[in-house]
């Protein structure tokens, strides 16, 4: 048997409802993480491609390909 006999006066508490601090906190964290991932990816790609010879036709990289 439940100790609650009536729903009168019952209230709901939404921790992360619209325009709450939690929504803005998670939005800021998500944005910071995405910016960090993209920045790290750009750094990695730049390092990787700086080590590759820019002319792919040199040394026969495209040898045998009909273009």
N, C-alpha and C. Protein backbone atom coordinates (compact mmCIF):
# COMPACT_ATOMS: atom_id res chain seq x y z
N UNK A 1 0.84 -1.18 0.00
CA UNK A 1 0.00 0.00 0.00
C UNK A 1 0.89 1.24 0.00
N UNK A 2 0.54 2.20 -0.85
CA UNK A 2 1.34 3.41 -1.00
C UNK A 2 1.01 4.42 0.09
N UNK A 3 2.05 5.11 0.60
CA UNK A 3 1.78 6.17 1.58
C UNK A 3 1.18 7.42 0.93
N UNK A 4 1.24 7.49 -0.42
CA UNK A 4 0.66 8.64 -1.12
C UNK A 4 -0.82 8.37 -1.33
N UNK A 5 -1.67 9.22 -0.79
CA UNK A 5 -3.11 9.02 -0.94
C UNK A 5 -3.73 10.02 -1.90
N UNK A 6 -2.98 11.08 -2.26
CA UNK A 6 -3.53 12.09 -3.15
C UNK A 6 -2.40 12.72 -3.96
N UNK A 7 -2.71 13.13 -5.16
CA UNK A 7 -1.73 13.82 -6.01
C UNK A 7 -1.80 15.33 -5.85
N UNK A 8 -2.66 15.83 -5.00
CA UNK A 8 -2.77 17.28 -4.81
C UNK A 8 -1.50 17.82 -4.19
N UNK A 9 -1.00 18.90 -4.75
CA UNK A 9 0.21 19.52 -4.23
C UNK A 9 1.50 18.88 -4.74
N UNK A 10 1.36 17.84 -5.56
CA UNK A 10 2.56 17.20 -6.11
C UNK A 10 3.20 18.13 -7.14
N UNK A 11 4.52 18.15 -7.15
CA UNK A 11 5.25 19.00 -8.10
C UNK A 11 6.29 18.17 -8.83
N UNK A 12 6.64 18.64 -10.01
CA UNK A 12 7.69 17.99 -10.80
C UNK A 12 8.91 18.89 -10.81
N UNK A 13 10.06 18.28 -10.69
CA UNK A 13 11.32 19.02 -10.75
C UNK A 13 12.10 18.50 -11.95
N UNK A 14 12.41 19.39 -12.88
CA UNK A 14 13.16 19.03 -14.07
C UNK A 14 14.58 19.57 -13.92
N UNK A 15 15.53 18.66 -13.78
CA UNK A 15 16.91 19.07 -13.58
C UNK A 15 17.47 19.78 -14.81
N UNK A 16 17.19 19.23 -15.99
CA UNK A 16 17.73 19.81 -17.21
C UNK A 16 16.60 20.19 -18.15
N UNK A 17 15.67 20.96 -17.65
CA UNK A 17 14.56 21.43 -18.48
C UNK A 17 15.01 22.57 -19.38
N UNK A 18 14.10 23.09 -20.18
CA UNK A 18 14.43 24.17 -21.11
C UNK A 18 15.01 25.38 -20.37
N UNK A 19 16.03 25.97 -20.94
CA UNK A 19 16.69 27.17 -20.39
C UNK A 19 17.27 26.97 -19.00
N UNK A 20 17.63 25.76 -18.66
CA UNK A 20 18.25 25.54 -17.36
C UNK A 20 19.77 25.60 -17.49
N UNK A 21 20.45 25.68 -16.38
CA UNK A 21 21.91 25.73 -16.37
C UNK A 21 22.50 24.47 -16.98
N UNK A 22 21.90 23.32 -16.72
CA UNK A 22 22.42 22.05 -17.23
C UNK A 22 22.42 21.99 -18.75
N UNK A 23 21.39 22.52 -19.38
CA UNK A 23 21.32 22.52 -20.84
C UNK A 23 22.46 23.35 -21.41
N UNK A 24 22.67 24.53 -20.86
CA UNK A 24 23.74 25.41 -21.35
C UNK A 24 25.12 24.83 -21.03
N UNK A 25 25.26 24.17 -19.89
CA UNK A 25 26.53 23.55 -19.53
C UNK A 25 26.88 22.44 -20.52
N UNK A 26 25.93 21.55 -20.79
CA UNK A 26 26.18 20.47 -21.74
C UNK A 26 26.41 20.99 -23.15
N UNK A 27 25.72 22.05 -23.53
CA UNK A 27 25.93 22.66 -24.85
C UNK A 27 27.36 23.21 -24.95
N UNK A 28 27.81 23.89 -23.91
CA UNK A 28 29.17 24.45 -23.91
C UNK A 28 30.21 23.33 -23.93
N UNK A 29 30.00 22.29 -23.13
CA UNK A 29 30.94 21.17 -23.12
C UNK A 29 31.00 20.47 -24.47
N UNK A 30 29.86 20.23 -25.07
CA UNK A 30 29.81 19.58 -26.37
C UNK A 30 30.50 20.42 -27.43
N UNK A 31 30.28 21.72 -27.40
CA UNK A 31 30.92 22.61 -28.37
C UNK A 31 32.43 22.61 -28.19
N UNK A 32 32.89 22.67 -26.94
CA UNK A 32 34.33 22.66 -26.67
C UNK A 32 34.96 21.34 -27.12
N UNK A 33 34.29 20.24 -26.87
CA UNK A 33 34.82 18.94 -27.29
C UNK A 33 34.90 18.86 -28.81
N UNK A 34 33.86 19.30 -29.50
CA UNK A 34 33.86 19.23 -30.97
C UNK A 34 34.93 20.13 -31.57
N UNK A 35 35.11 21.33 -31.03
CA UNK A 35 36.15 22.23 -31.51
C UNK A 35 37.52 21.59 -31.28
N UNK A 36 37.71 20.97 -30.13
CA UNK A 36 38.97 20.30 -29.83
C UNK A 36 39.25 19.14 -30.76
N UNK A 37 38.23 18.35 -31.06
CA UNK A 37 38.40 17.21 -31.97
C UNK A 37 38.76 17.69 -33.38
N UNK A 38 38.06 18.70 -33.86
CA UNK A 38 38.33 19.22 -35.20
C UNK A 38 39.72 19.85 -35.25
N UNK A 39 40.12 20.59 -34.23
CA UNK A 39 41.45 21.21 -34.21
C UNK A 39 42.53 20.14 -34.19
N UNK A 40 42.36 19.10 -33.39
CA UNK A 40 43.34 18.01 -33.33
C UNK A 40 43.41 17.28 -34.67
N UNK A 41 42.26 17.11 -35.32
CA UNK A 41 42.23 16.46 -36.61
C UNK A 41 42.99 17.28 -37.66
N UNK A 42 42.81 18.59 -37.65
CA UNK A 42 43.51 19.46 -38.60
C UNK A 42 45.01 19.38 -38.38
N UNK A 43 45.46 19.41 -37.13
CA UNK A 43 46.88 19.31 -36.83
C UNK A 43 47.43 17.97 -37.33
N UNK A 44 46.71 16.90 -37.06
CA UNK A 44 47.15 15.57 -37.49
C UNK A 44 47.22 15.47 -39.01
N UNK A 45 46.20 15.96 -39.70
CA UNK A 45 46.18 15.91 -41.16
C UNK A 45 47.32 16.74 -41.75
N UNK A 46 47.58 17.92 -41.19
CA UNK A 46 48.65 18.76 -41.70
C UNK A 46 50.01 18.08 -41.52
N UNK A 47 50.24 17.44 -40.39
CA UNK A 47 51.50 16.73 -40.17
C UNK A 47 51.64 15.55 -41.13
N UNK A 48 50.54 14.82 -41.30
CA UNK A 48 50.58 13.65 -42.17
C UNK A 48 50.86 14.04 -43.61
N UNK A 49 50.14 15.02 -44.12
CA UNK A 49 50.31 15.40 -45.52
C UNK A 49 51.59 16.17 -45.78
N UNK A 50 52.21 16.74 -44.76
CA UNK A 50 53.49 17.42 -44.99
C UNK A 50 54.60 16.40 -45.20
N UNK A 51 54.40 15.16 -44.76
CA UNK A 51 55.40 14.11 -44.94
C UNK A 51 55.25 13.38 -46.27
N UNK A 52 54.17 13.62 -46.98
CA UNK A 52 53.91 12.94 -48.25
C UNK A 52 54.39 13.83 -49.39
N UNK A 53 55.00 13.21 -50.39
CA UNK A 53 55.43 13.95 -51.58
C UNK A 53 54.19 14.53 -52.25
N UNK A 54 54.17 15.85 -52.48
CA UNK A 54 52.96 16.46 -53.05
C UNK A 54 52.66 16.03 -54.49
N UNK A 55 53.69 15.64 -55.26
CA UNK A 55 53.47 15.24 -56.64
C UNK A 55 53.25 13.73 -56.71
N UNK A 56 52.00 13.30 -56.81
CA UNK A 56 51.70 11.87 -56.82
C UNK A 56 52.15 11.18 -58.09
N UNK A 57 52.40 11.93 -59.17
CA UNK A 57 52.84 11.31 -60.41
C UNK A 57 54.34 11.01 -60.37
N UNK A 58 55.07 11.64 -59.47
CA UNK A 58 56.52 11.41 -59.35
C UNK A 58 56.78 10.00 -58.82
N UNK A 59 57.84 9.38 -59.27
CA UNK A 59 58.24 8.05 -58.84
C UNK A 59 57.23 6.98 -59.23
N UNK A 60 56.35 7.26 -60.18
CA UNK A 60 55.46 6.24 -60.71
C UNK A 60 54.31 5.87 -59.80
N UNK A 61 53.85 6.80 -58.92
CA UNK A 61 52.75 6.50 -58.02
C UNK A 61 51.48 6.18 -58.80
N UNK A 62 51.33 6.81 -59.96
CA UNK A 62 50.13 6.59 -60.78
C UNK A 62 50.46 5.73 -62.00
N UNK A 63 51.56 5.01 -61.97
CA UNK A 63 52.02 4.22 -63.11
C UNK A 63 50.97 3.12 -63.43
N UNK A 64 50.66 3.01 -64.69
CA UNK A 64 49.71 2.01 -65.14
C UNK A 64 48.27 2.44 -65.08
N UNK A 65 48.01 3.66 -64.65
CA UNK A 65 46.64 4.15 -64.57
C UNK A 65 46.35 4.95 -65.83
N UNK A 66 45.26 4.64 -66.49
CA UNK A 66 44.86 5.37 -67.69
C UNK A 66 44.05 6.58 -67.31
N UNK A 67 44.69 7.75 -67.41
CA UNK A 67 43.96 8.98 -67.11
C UNK A 67 43.98 9.90 -68.29
